[in-house]
Amino acid sequence: MKAIFVTGGKQYYVAVGDVLYVEKLDAEAGKDVTFNEVLLVDGAIGNPYVKGASVVCTVEKHGKQKKIKVFKYRPKKKYRKTQGHRQPYTKLVVKAINK
């Protein structure tokens, strides 16, 4: 069984047992999280969501991605600025897909 659900402004296509990294959620590691904004379950397309459908995931851990460098400059003005950014994430394991 496969499903598409929405979290953090992004859509994820998952099956039971899949591991995915999503935008950080307010949930403790080891707890279950239920997503009710399901767009598709086994070919059943919602308008906009499938009624009664949900995706249950287990929070495995929280963390930060690798650092990216952000470099800004203005030519001929002696302006240079370097910043770093690490995006927080939540690692999920799909436990069940309910129709």
PDB file of N, CA and C in Angstrom:
ATOM      1  N   MET A   1       0.849  -1.182   0.000  1.00  0.00           N
ATOM      2  CA  MET A   1       0.000   0.000   0.000  1.00  0.00           C
ATOM      3  C   MET A   1       0.886   1.234   0.000  1.00  0.00           C
ATOM      4  N   LYS A   2       0.586   2.173  -0.852  1.00  0.00           N
ATOM      5  CA  LYS A   2       1.358   3.411  -0.967  1.00  0.00           C
ATOM      6  C   LYS A   2       0.432   4.600  -0.775  1.00  0.00           C
ATOM      7  N   ALA A   3       1.023   5.704  -0.341  1.00  0.00           N
ATOM      8  CA  ALA A   3       0.228   6.907  -0.084  1.00  0.00           C
ATOM      9  C   ALA A   3       1.085   8.143  -0.325  1.00  0.00           C
ATOM     10  N   ILE A   4       0.400   9.261  -0.582  1.00  0.00           N
ATOM     11  CA  ILE A   4       1.037  10.571  -0.668  1.00  0.00           C
ATOM     12  C   ILE A   4       0.413  11.430   0.424  1.00  0.00           C
ATOM     13  N   PHE A   5       1.274  12.013   1.289  1.00  0.00           N
ATOM     14  CA  PHE A   5       0.759  12.890   2.334  1.00  0.00           C
ATOM     15  C   PHE A   5       1.566  14.179   2.364  1.00  0.00           C
ATOM     16  N   VAL A   6       1.023  15.174   3.084  1.00  0.00           N
ATOM     17  CA  VAL A   6       1.615  16.516   3.125  1.00  0.00           C
ATOM     18  C   VAL A   6       2.088  16.823   4.541  1.00  0.00           C
ATOM     19  N   THR A   7       3.319  17.318   4.653  1.00  0.00           N
ATOM     20  CA  THR A   7       3.825  17.855   5.909  1.00  0.00           C
ATOM     21  C   THR A   7       4.931  18.853   5.607  1.00  0.00           C
ATOM     22  N   GLY A   8       4.963  19.942   6.324  1.00  0.00           N
ATOM     23  CA  GLY A   8       6.001  20.951   6.128  1.00  0.00           C
ATOM     24  C   GLY A   8       5.955  21.603   4.769  1.00  0.00           C
ATOM     25  N   GLY A   9       4.771  21.643   4.133  1.00  0.00           N
ATOM     26  CA  GLY A   9       4.637  22.265   2.823  1.00  0.00           C
ATOM     27  C   GLY A   9       5.167  21.415   1.683  1.00  0.00           C
ATOM     28  N   LYS A  10       5.494  20.152   1.958  1.00  0.00           N
ATOM     29  CA  LYS A  10       6.011  19.253   0.932  1.00  0.00           C
ATOM     30  C   LYS A  10       5.165  17.983   0.893  1.00  0.00           C
ATOM     31  N   GLN A  11       5.196  17.305  -0.250  1.00  0.00           N
ATOM     32  CA  GLN A  11       4.451  16.062  -0.423  1.00  0.00           C
ATOM     33  C   GLN A  11       5.433  14.892  -0.450  1.00  0.00           C
ATOM     34  N   TYR A  12       5.050  13.788   0.214  1.00  0.00           N
ATOM     35  CA  TYR A  12       5.906  12.611   0.299  1.00  0.00           C
ATOM     36  C   TYR A  12       5.132  11.380  -0.166  1.00  0.00           C
ATOM     37  N   TYR A  13       5.752  10.590  -1.039  1.00  0.00           N
ATOM     38  CA  TYR A  13       5.191   9.350  -1.569  1.00  0.00           C
ATOM     39  C   TYR A  13       5.836   8.203  -0.800  1.00  0.00           C
ATOM     40  N   VAL A  14       5.053   7.485   0.017  1.00  0.00           N
ATOM     41  CA  VAL A  14       5.627   6.517   0.939  1.00  0.00           C
ATOM     42  C   VAL A  14       4.908   5.178   0.893  1.00  0.00           C
ATOM     43  N   ALA A  15       5.591   4.159   1.401  1.00  0.00           N
ATOM     44  CA  ALA A  15       5.027   2.835   1.644  1.00  0.00           C
ATOM     45  C   ALA A  15       5.396   2.460   3.079  1.00  0.00           C
ATOM     46  N   VAL A  16       4.775   1.411   3.603  1.00  0.00           N
ATOM     47  CA  VAL A  16       5.061   0.979   4.973  1.00  0.00           C
ATOM     48  C   VAL A  16       6.519   0.543   5.064  1.00  0.00           C
ATOM     49  N   GLY A  17       7.210   1.014   6.097  1.00  0.00           N
ATOM     50  CA  GLY A  17       8.616   0.678   6.302  1.00  0.00           C
ATOM     51  C   GLY A  17       9.597   1.692   5.735  1.00  0.00           C
ATOM     52  N   ASP A  18       9.128   2.662   4.971  1.00  0.00           N
ATOM     53  CA  ASP A  18      10.016   3.670   4.393  1.00  0.00           C
ATOM     54  C   ASP A  18      10.577   4.592   5.479  1.00  0.00           C
ATOM     55  N   VAL A  19      11.800   5.060   5.256  1.00  0.00           N
ATOM     56  CA  VAL A  19      12.448   6.035   6.130  1.00  0.00           C
ATOM     57  C   VAL A  19      12.519   7.353   5.368  1.00  0.00           C
ATOM     58  N   LEU A  20      12.083   8.448   6.010  1.00  0.00           N
ATOM     59  CA  LEU A  20      12.130   9.739   5.335  1.00  0.00           C
ATOM     60  C   LEU A  20      12.501  10.837   6.307  1.00  0.00           C
ATOM     61  N   TYR A  21      13.054  11.897   5.740  1.00  0.00           N
ATOM     62  CA  TYR A  21      13.478  13.067   6.499  1.00  0.00           C
ATOM     63  C   TYR A  21      12.551  14.219   6.142  1.00  0.00           C
ATOM     64  N   VAL A  22      11.884  14.798   7.153  1.00  0.00           N
ATOM     65  CA  VAL A  22      10.926  15.878   6.928  1.00  0.00           C
ATOM     66  C   VAL A  22      11.361  17.099   7.737  1.00  0.00           C
ATOM     67  N   GLU A  23      10.691  18.227   7.488  1.00  0.00           N
ATOM     68  CA  GLU A  23      10.947  19.428   8.280  1.00  0.00           C
ATOM     69  C   GLU A  23      10.672  19.110   9.749  1.00  0.00           C
ATOM     70  N   LYS A  24      11.386  19.753  10.648  1.00  0.00           N
ATOM     71  CA  LYS A  24      11.318  19.432  12.070  1.00  0.00           C
ATOM     72  C   LYS A  24       9.891  19.489  12.607  1.00  0.00           C
ATOM     73  N   LEU A  25       9.517  18.442  13.369  1.00  0.00           N
ATOM     74  CA  LEU A  25       8.205  18.335  13.990  1.00  0.00           C
ATOM     75  C   LEU A  25       8.339  18.447  15.503  1.00  0.00           C
ATOM     76  N   ASP A  26       7.271  18.919  16.158  1.00  0.00           N
ATOM     77  CA  ASP A  26       7.257  18.997  17.620  1.00  0.00           C
ATOM     78  C   ASP A  26       6.762  17.678  18.186  1.00  0.00           C
ATOM     79  N   ALA A  27       7.621  16.669  18.195  1.00  0.00           N
ATOM     80  CA  ALA A  27       7.289  15.364  18.751  1.00  0.00           C
ATOM     81  C   ALA A  27       8.570  14.747  19.289  1.00  0.00           C
ATOM     82  N   GLU A  28       8.462  14.014  20.375  1.00  0.00           N
ATOM     83  CA  GLU A  28       9.626  13.394  20.984  1.00  0.00           C
ATOM     84  C   GLU A  28      10.038  12.147  20.212  1.00  0.00           C
ATOM     85  N   ALA A  29      11.309  11.803  20.292  1.00  0.00           N
ATOM     86  CA  ALA A  29      11.803  10.586  19.644  1.00  0.00           C
ATOM     87  C   ALA A  29      11.146   9.364  20.286  1.00  0.00           C
ATOM     88  N   GLY A  30      10.732   8.420  19.447  1.00  0.00           N
ATOM     89  CA  GLY A  30      10.066   7.216  19.929  1.00  0.00           C
ATOM     90  C   GLY A  30       8.545   7.307  19.924  1.00  0.00           C
ATOM     91  N   LYS A  31       7.998   8.497  19.761  1.00  0.00           N
ATOM     92  CA  LYS A  31       6.540   8.688  19.737  1.00  0.00           C
ATOM     93  C   LYS A  31       6.000   8.502  18.324  1.00  0.00           C
ATOM     94  N   ASP A  32       4.695   8.248  18.223  1.00  0.00           N
ATOM     95  CA  ASP A  32       4.029   8.128  16.927  1.00  0.00           C
ATOM     96  C   ASP A  32       3.403   9.458  16.528  1.00  0.00           C
ATOM     97  N   VAL A  33       3.437   9.742  15.230  1.00  0.00           N
ATOM     98  CA  VAL A  33       2.839  10.948  14.667  1.00  0.00           C
ATOM     99  C   VAL A  33       1.864  10.513  13.585  1.00  0.00           C
ATOM    100  N   THR A  34       0.666  11.094  13.573  1.00  0.00           N
ATOM    101  CA  THR A  34      -0.344  10.753  12.576  1.00  0.00           C
ATOM    102  C   THR A  34      -0.554  11.943  11.650  1.00  0.00           C
ATOM    103  N   PHE A  35      -0.503  11.671  10.337  1.00  0.00           N
ATOM    104  CA  PHE A  35      -0.739  12.695   9.327  1.00  0.00           C
ATOM    105  C   PHE A  35      -2.085  12.420   8.672  1.00  0.00           C
ATOM    106  N   ASN A  36      -3.002  13.391   8.738  1.00  0.00           N
ATOM    107  CA  ASN A  36      -4.349  13.228   8.188  1.00  0.00           C
ATOM    108  C   ASN A  36      -4.516  13.874   6.822  1.00  0.00           C
ATOM    109  N   GLU A  37      -3.553  14.667   6.388  1.00  0.00           N
ATOM    110  CA  GLU A  37      -3.615  15.331   5.084  1.00  0.00           C
ATOM    111  C   GLU A  37      -3.064  14.392   4.015  1.00  0.00           C
ATOM    112  N   VAL A  38      -3.866  13.375   3.665  1.00  0.00           N
ATOM    113  CA  VAL A  38      -3.453  12.350   2.711  1.00  0.00           C
ATOM    114  C   VAL A  38      -4.079  12.658   1.357  1.00  0.00           C
ATOM    115  N   LEU A  39      -3.253  12.782   0.322  1.00  0.00           N
ATOM    116  CA  LEU A  39      -3.727  13.134  -1.018  1.00  0.00           C
ATOM    117  C   LEU A  39      -4.105  11.912  -1.852  1.00  0.00           C
ATOM    118  N   LEU A  40      -3.441  10.770  -1.604  1.00  0.00           N
ATOM    119  CA  LEU A  40      -3.672   9.579  -2.413  1.00  0.00           C
ATOM    120  C   LEU A  40      -3.382   8.335  -1.581  1.00  0.00           C
ATOM    121  N   VAL A  41      -4.278   7.326  -1.672  1.00  0.00           N
ATOM    122  CA  VAL A  41      -4.055   6.026  -1.040  1.00  0.00           C
ATOM    123  C   VAL A  41      -4.474   4.956  -2.032  1.00  0.00           C
ATOM    124  N   ASP A  42      -3.510   4.159  -2.502  1.00  0.00           N
ATOM    125  CA  ASP A  42      -3.785   3.054  -3.437  1.00  0.00           C
ATOM    126  C   ASP A  42      -4.685   3.454  -4.597  1.00  0.00           C
ATOM    127  N   GLY A  43      -4.411   4.562  -5.231  1.00  0.00           N
ATOM    128  CA  GLY A  43      -5.177   4.992  -6.395  1.00  0.00           C
ATOM    129  C   GLY A  43      -6.413   5.814  -6.057  1.00  0.00           C
ATOM    130  N   ALA A  44      -6.825   5.862  -4.792  1.00  0.00           N
ATOM    131  CA  ALA A  44      -7.963   6.687  -4.383  1.00  0.00           C
ATOM    132  C   ALA A  44      -7.476   8.117  -4.212  1.00  0.00           C
ATOM    133  N   ILE A  45      -7.917   8.996  -5.098  1.00  0.00           N
ATOM    134  CA  ILE A  45      -7.467  10.382  -5.092  1.00  0.00           C
ATOM    135  C   ILE A  45      -8.457  11.230  -4.313  1.00  0.00           C
ATOM    136  N   GLY A  46      -7.945  12.080  -3.445  1.00  0.00           N
ATOM    137  CA  GLY A  46      -8.789  12.949  -2.639  1.00  0.00           C
ATOM    138  C   GLY A  46      -9.097  14.249  -3.340  1.00  0.00           C
ATOM    139  N   ASN A  47     -10.050  14.989  -2.763  1.00  0.00           N
ATOM    140  CA  ASN A  47     -10.453  16.264  -3.332  1.00  0.00           C
ATOM    141  C   ASN A  47     -10.646  17.274  -2.206  1.00  0.00           C
ATOM    142  N   PRO A  48      -9.672  17.894  -1.601  1.00  0.00           N
ATOM    143  CA  PRO A  48      -8.241  17.716  -1.831  1.00  0.00           C
ATOM    144  C   PRO A  48      -7.643  16.544  -1.057  1.00  0.00           C
ATOM    145  N   TYR A  49      -8.284  16.082   0.043  1.00  0.00           N
ATOM    146  CA  TYR A  49      -7.736  14.989   0.836  1.00  0.00           C
ATOM    147  C   TYR A  49      -8.676  13.795   0.814  1.00  0.00           C
ATOM    148  N   VAL A  50      -8.120  12.609   1.038  1.00  0.00           N
ATOM    149  CA  VAL A  50      -8.915  11.387   1.117  1.00  0.00           C
ATOM    150  C   VAL A  50      -9.545  11.339   2.510  1.00  0.00           C
ATOM    151  N   LYS A  51     -10.874  11.201   2.564  1.00  0.00           N
ATOM    152  CA  LYS A  51     -11.582  11.204   3.840  1.00  0.00           C
ATOM    153  C   LYS A  51     -11.275   9.928   4.619  1.00  0.00           C
ATOM    154  N   GLY A  52     -10.946  10.101   5.894  1.00  0.00           N
ATOM    155  CA  GLY A  52     -10.699   8.968   6.780  1.00  0.00           C
ATOM    156  C   GLY A  52      -9.322   8.334   6.637  1.00  0.00           C
ATOM    157  N   ALA A  53      -8.518   8.784   5.712  1.00  0.00           N
ATOM    158  CA  ALA A  53      -7.192   8.197   5.502  1.00  0.00           C
ATOM    159  C   ALA A  53      -6.166   8.876   6.409  1.00  0.00           C
ATOM    160  N   SER A  54      -5.154   8.109   6.821  1.00  0.00           N
ATOM    161  CA  SER A  54      -4.082   8.667   7.642  1.00  0.00           C
ATOM    162  C   SER A  54      -2.815   7.851   7.442  1.00  0.00           C
ATOM    163  N   VAL A  55      -1.702   8.482   7.741  1.00  0.00           N
ATOM    164  CA  VAL A  55      -0.396   7.828   7.691  1.00  0.00           C
ATOM    165  C   VAL A  55       0.204   7.947   9.085  1.00  0.00           C
ATOM    166  N   VAL A  56       0.565   6.814   9.682  1.00  0.00           N
ATOM    167  CA  VAL A  56       1.133   6.791  11.025  1.00  0.00           C
ATOM    168  C   VAL A  56       2.630   6.535  10.908  1.00  0.00           C
ATOM    169  N   CYS A  57       3.425   7.417  11.521  1.00  0.00           N
ATOM    170  CA  CYS A  57       4.886   7.313  11.478  1.00  0.00           C
ATOM    171  C   CYS A  57       5.441   7.342  12.899  1.00  0.00           C
ATOM    172  N   THR A  58       6.605   6.741  13.064  1.00  0.00           N
ATOM    173  CA  THR A  58       7.325   6.785  14.327  1.00  0.00           C
ATOM    174  C   THR A  58       8.514   7.733  14.186  1.00  0.00           C
ATOM    175  N   VAL A  59       8.666   8.634  15.148  1.00  0.00           N
ATOM    176  CA  VAL A  59       9.787   9.572  15.138  1.00  0.00           C
ATOM    177  C   VAL A  59      11.022   8.817  15.622  1.00  0.00           C
ATOM    178  N   GLU A  60      12.036   8.727  14.755  1.00  0.00           N
ATOM    179  CA  GLU A  60      13.254   8.018  15.120  1.00  0.00           C
ATOM    180  C   GLU A  60      14.264   8.937  15.793  1.00  0.00           C
ATOM    181  N   LYS A  61      14.473  10.135  15.209  1.00  0.00           N
ATOM    182  CA  LYS A  61      15.399  11.088  15.823  1.00  0.00           C
ATOM    183  C   LYS A  61      15.206  12.469  15.215  1.00  0.00           C
ATOM    184  N   HIS A  62      15.812  13.460  15.866  1.00  0.00           N
ATOM    185  CA  HIS A  62      15.877  14.822  15.356  1.00  0.00           C
ATOM    186  C   HIS A  62      17.345  15.147  15.107  1.00  0.00           C
ATOM    187  N   GLY A  63      17.601  16.054  14.177  1.00  0.00           N
ATOM    188  CA  GLY A  63      18.982  16.423  13.908  1.00  0.00           C
ATOM    189  C   GLY A  63      19.064  17.636  13.009  1.00  0.00           C
ATOM    190  N   LYS A  64      20.290  17.919  12.549  1.00  0.00           N
ATOM    191  CA  LYS A  64      20.528  19.018  11.625  1.00  0.00           C
ATOM    192  C   LYS A  64      21.286  18.491  10.421  1.00  0.00           C
ATOM    193  N   GLN A  65      20.971  19.022   9.247  1.00  0.00           N
ATOM    194  CA  GLN A  65      21.649  18.604   8.026  1.00  0.00           C
ATOM    195  C   GLN A  65      23.042  19.199   7.971  1.00  0.00           C
ATOM    196  N   LYS A  66      23.794  18.860   6.911  1.00  0.00           N
ATOM    197  CA  LYS A  66      25.122  19.417   6.735  1.00  0.00           C
ATOM    198  C   LYS A  66      25.042  20.928   6.536  1.00  0.00           C
ATOM    199  N   LYS A  67      26.102  21.607   6.935  1.00  0.00           N
ATOM    200  CA  LYS A  67      26.129  23.060   6.828  1.00  0.00           C
ATOM    201  C   LYS A  67      26.311  23.486   5.372  1.00  0.00           C
ATOM    202  N   ILE A  68      25.535  24.502   5.000  1.00  0.00           N
ATOM    203  CA  ILE A  68      25.726  25.126   3.693  1.00  0.00           C
ATOM    204  C   ILE A  68      26.264  26.532   3.928  1.00  0.00           C
ATOM    205  N   LYS A  69      27.043  27.014   2.996  1.00  0.00           N
ATOM    206  CA  LYS A  69      27.584  28.368   3.101  1.00  0.00           C
ATOM    207  C   LYS A  69      26.775  29.301   2.227  1.00  0.00           C
ATOM    208  N   VAL A  70      26.423  30.434   2.786  1.00  0.00           N
ATOM    209  CA  VAL A  70      25.697  31.478   2.070  1.00  0.00           C
ATOM    210  C   VAL A  70      26.657  32.654   1.943  1.00  0.00           C
ATOM    211  N   PHE A  71      26.995  33.032   0.719  1.00  0.00           N
ATOM    212  CA  PHE A  71      27.955  34.111   0.486  1.00  0.00           C
ATOM    213  C   PHE A  71      27.275  35.211  -0.308  1.00  0.00           C
ATOM    214  N   LYS A  72      27.291  36.414   0.258  1.00  0.00           N
ATOM    215  CA  LYS A  72      26.703  37.572  -0.407  1.00  0.00           C
ATOM    216  C   LYS A  72      27.805  38.588  -0.671  1.00  0.00           C
ATOM    217  N   TYR A  73      27.724  39.258  -1.798  1.00  0.00           N
ATOM    218  CA  TYR A  73      28.676  40.340  -2.068  1.00  0.00           C
ATOM    219  C   TYR A  73      28.083  41.310  -3.075  1.00  0.00           C
ATOM    220  N   ARG A  74      28.607  42.536  -3.023  1.00  0.00           N
ATOM    221  CA  ARG A  74      28.251  43.578  -3.981  1.00  0.00           C
ATOM    222  C   ARG A  74      29.516  43.911  -4.763  1.00  0.00           C
ATOM    223  N   PRO A  75      29.490  43.766  -6.064  1.00  0.00           N
ATOM    224  CA  PRO A  75      30.698  44.060  -6.832  1.00  0.00           C
ATOM    225  C   PRO A  75      31.097  45.538  -6.727  1.00  0.00           C
ATOM    226  N   LYS A  76      32.370  45.776  -6.611  1.00  0.00           N
ATOM    227  CA  LYS A  76      32.969  47.124  -6.577  1.00  0.00           C
ATOM    228  C   LYS A  76      32.577  47.939  -5.345  1.00  0.00           C
ATOM    229  N   LYS A  77      31.976  47.339  -4.330  1.00  0.00           N
ATOM    230  CA  LYS A  77      31.544  48.088  -3.142  1.00  0.00           C
ATOM    231  C   LYS A  77      32.236  47.608  -1.870  1.00  0.00           C
ATOM    232  N   LYS A  78      33.126  46.627  -1.957  1.00  0.00           N
ATOM    233  CA  LYS A  78      33.838  46.064  -0.808  1.00  0.00           C
ATOM    234  C   LYS A  78      32.875  45.506   0.245  1.00  0.00           C
ATOM    235  N   TYR A  79      31.772  44.939  -0.205  1.00  0.00           N
ATOM    236  CA  TYR A  79      30.810  44.316   0.711  1.00  0.00           C
ATOM    237  C   TYR A  79      30.845  42.809   0.502  1.00  0.00           C
ATOM    238  N   ARG A  80      31.205  42.078   1.557  1.00  0.00           N
ATOM    239  CA  ARG A  80      31.200  40.624   1.524  1.00  0.00           C
ATOM    240  C   ARG A  80      30.664  40.106   2.850  1.00  0.00           C
ATOM    241  N   LYS A  81      29.808  39.105   2.774  1.00  0.00           N
ATOM    242  CA  LYS A  81      29.225  38.543   3.989  1.00  0.00           C
ATOM    243  C   LYS A  81      29.104  37.037   3.805  1.00  0.00           C
ATOM    244  N   THR A  82      29.607  36.265   4.754  1.00  0.00           N
ATOM    245  CA  THR A  82      29.527  34.813   4.710  1.00  0.00           C
ATOM    246  C   THR A  82      28.717  34.339   5.906  1.00  0.00           C
ATOM    247  N   GLN A  83      27.749  33.467   5.641  1.00  0.00           N
ATOM    248  CA  GLN A  83      26.933  32.882   6.699  1.00  0.00           C
ATOM    249  C   GLN A  83      26.888  31.381   6.491  1.00  0.00           C
ATOM    250  N   GLY A  84      26.589  30.654   7.546  1.00  0.00           N
ATOM    251  CA  GLY A  84      26.363  29.223   7.459  1.00  0.00           C
ATOM    252  C   GLY A  84      24.950  28.920   7.920  1.00  0.00           C
ATOM    253  N   HIS A  85      24.381  27.817   7.422  1.00  0.00           N
ATOM    254  CA  HIS A  85      23.025  27.434   7.818  1.00  0.00           C
ATOM    255  C   HIS A  85      22.926  25.915   7.886  1.00  0.00           C
ATOM    256  N   ARG A  86      22.315  25.411   8.956  1.00  0.00           N
ATOM    257  CA  ARG A  86      22.038  23.981   9.093  1.00  0.00           C
ATOM    258  C   ARG A  86      20.546  23.821   9.336  1.00  0.00           C
ATOM    259  N   GLN A  87      19.861  23.181   8.402  1.00  0.00           N
ATOM    260  CA  GLN A  87      18.414  23.011   8.475  1.00  0.00           C
ATOM    261  C   GLN A  87      18.064  21.858   9.423  1.00  0.00           C
ATOM    262  N   PRO A  88      17.190  22.087  10.416  1.00  0.00           N
ATOM    263  CA  PRO A  88      16.775  20.996  11.298  1.00  0.00           C
ATOM    264  C   PRO A  88      15.813  20.038  10.575  1.00  0.00           C
ATOM    265  N   TYR A  89      15.861  18.759  10.963  1.00  0.00           N
ATOM    266  CA  TYR A  89      14.991  17.756  10.355  1.00  0.00           C
ATOM    267  C   TYR A  89      14.508  16.771  11.401  1.00  0.00           C
ATOM    268  N   THR A  90      13.508  15.974  11.027  1.00  0.00           N
ATOM    269  CA  THR A  90      13.015  14.873  11.826  1.00  0.00           C
ATOM    270  C   THR A  90      13.048  13.625  10.962  1.00  0.00           C
ATOM    271  N   LYS A  91      13.624  12.553  11.483  1.00  0.00           N
ATOM    272  CA  LYS A  91      13.693  11.289  10.755  1.00  0.00           C
ATOM    273  C   LYS A  91      12.490  10.445  11.158  1.00  0.00           C
ATOM    274  N   LEU A  92      11.694  10.023  10.163  1.00  0.00           N
ATOM    275  CA  LEU A  92      10.472   9.249  10.401  1.00  0.00           C
ATOM    276  C   LEU A  92      10.567   7.876   9.755  1.00  0.00           C
ATOM    277  N   VAL A  93       9.902   6.900  10.376  1.00  0.00           N
ATOM    278  CA  VAL A  93       9.726   5.575   9.792  1.00  0.00           C
ATOM    279  C   VAL A  93       8.221   5.353   9.661  1.00  0.00           C
ATOM    280  N   VAL A  94       7.758   5.025   8.444  1.00  0.00           N
ATOM    281  CA  VAL A  94       6.328   4.837   8.214  1.00  0.00           C
ATOM    282  C   VAL A  94       5.907   3.511   8.840  1.00  0.00           C
ATOM    283  N   LYS A  95       4.936   3.597   9.745  1.00  0.00           N
ATOM    284  CA  LYS A  95       4.480   2.438  10.498  1.00  0.00           C
ATOM    285  C   LYS A  95       3.239   1.806   9.877  1.00  0.00           C
ATOM    286  N   ALA A  96       2.274   2.649   9.465  1.00  0.00           N
ATOM    287  CA  ALA A  96       1.023   2.136   8.918  1.00  0.00           C
ATOM    288  C   ALA A  96       0.365   3.166   8.020  1.00  0.00           C
ATOM    289  N   ILE A  97      -0.391   2.666   7.039  1.00  0.00           N
ATOM    290  CA  ILE A  97      -1.203   3.522   6.169  1.00  0.00           C
ATOM    291  C   ILE A  97      -2.642   3.044   6.316  1.00  0.00           C
ATOM    292  N   ASN A  98      -3.514   3.929   6.803  1.00  0.00           N
ATOM    293  CA  ASN A  98      -4.919   3.577   7.040  1.00  0.00           C
ATOM    294  C   ASN A  98      -5.790   4.170   5.966  1.00  0.00           C
ATOM    295  N   LYS A  99      -6.720   3.372   5.461  1.00  0.00           N
ATOM    296  CA  LYS A  99      -7.636   3.848   4.410  1.00  0.00           C
ATOM    297  C   LYS A  99      -8.848   4.511   4.969  1.00  0.00           C
TER     298      LYS A  99
END
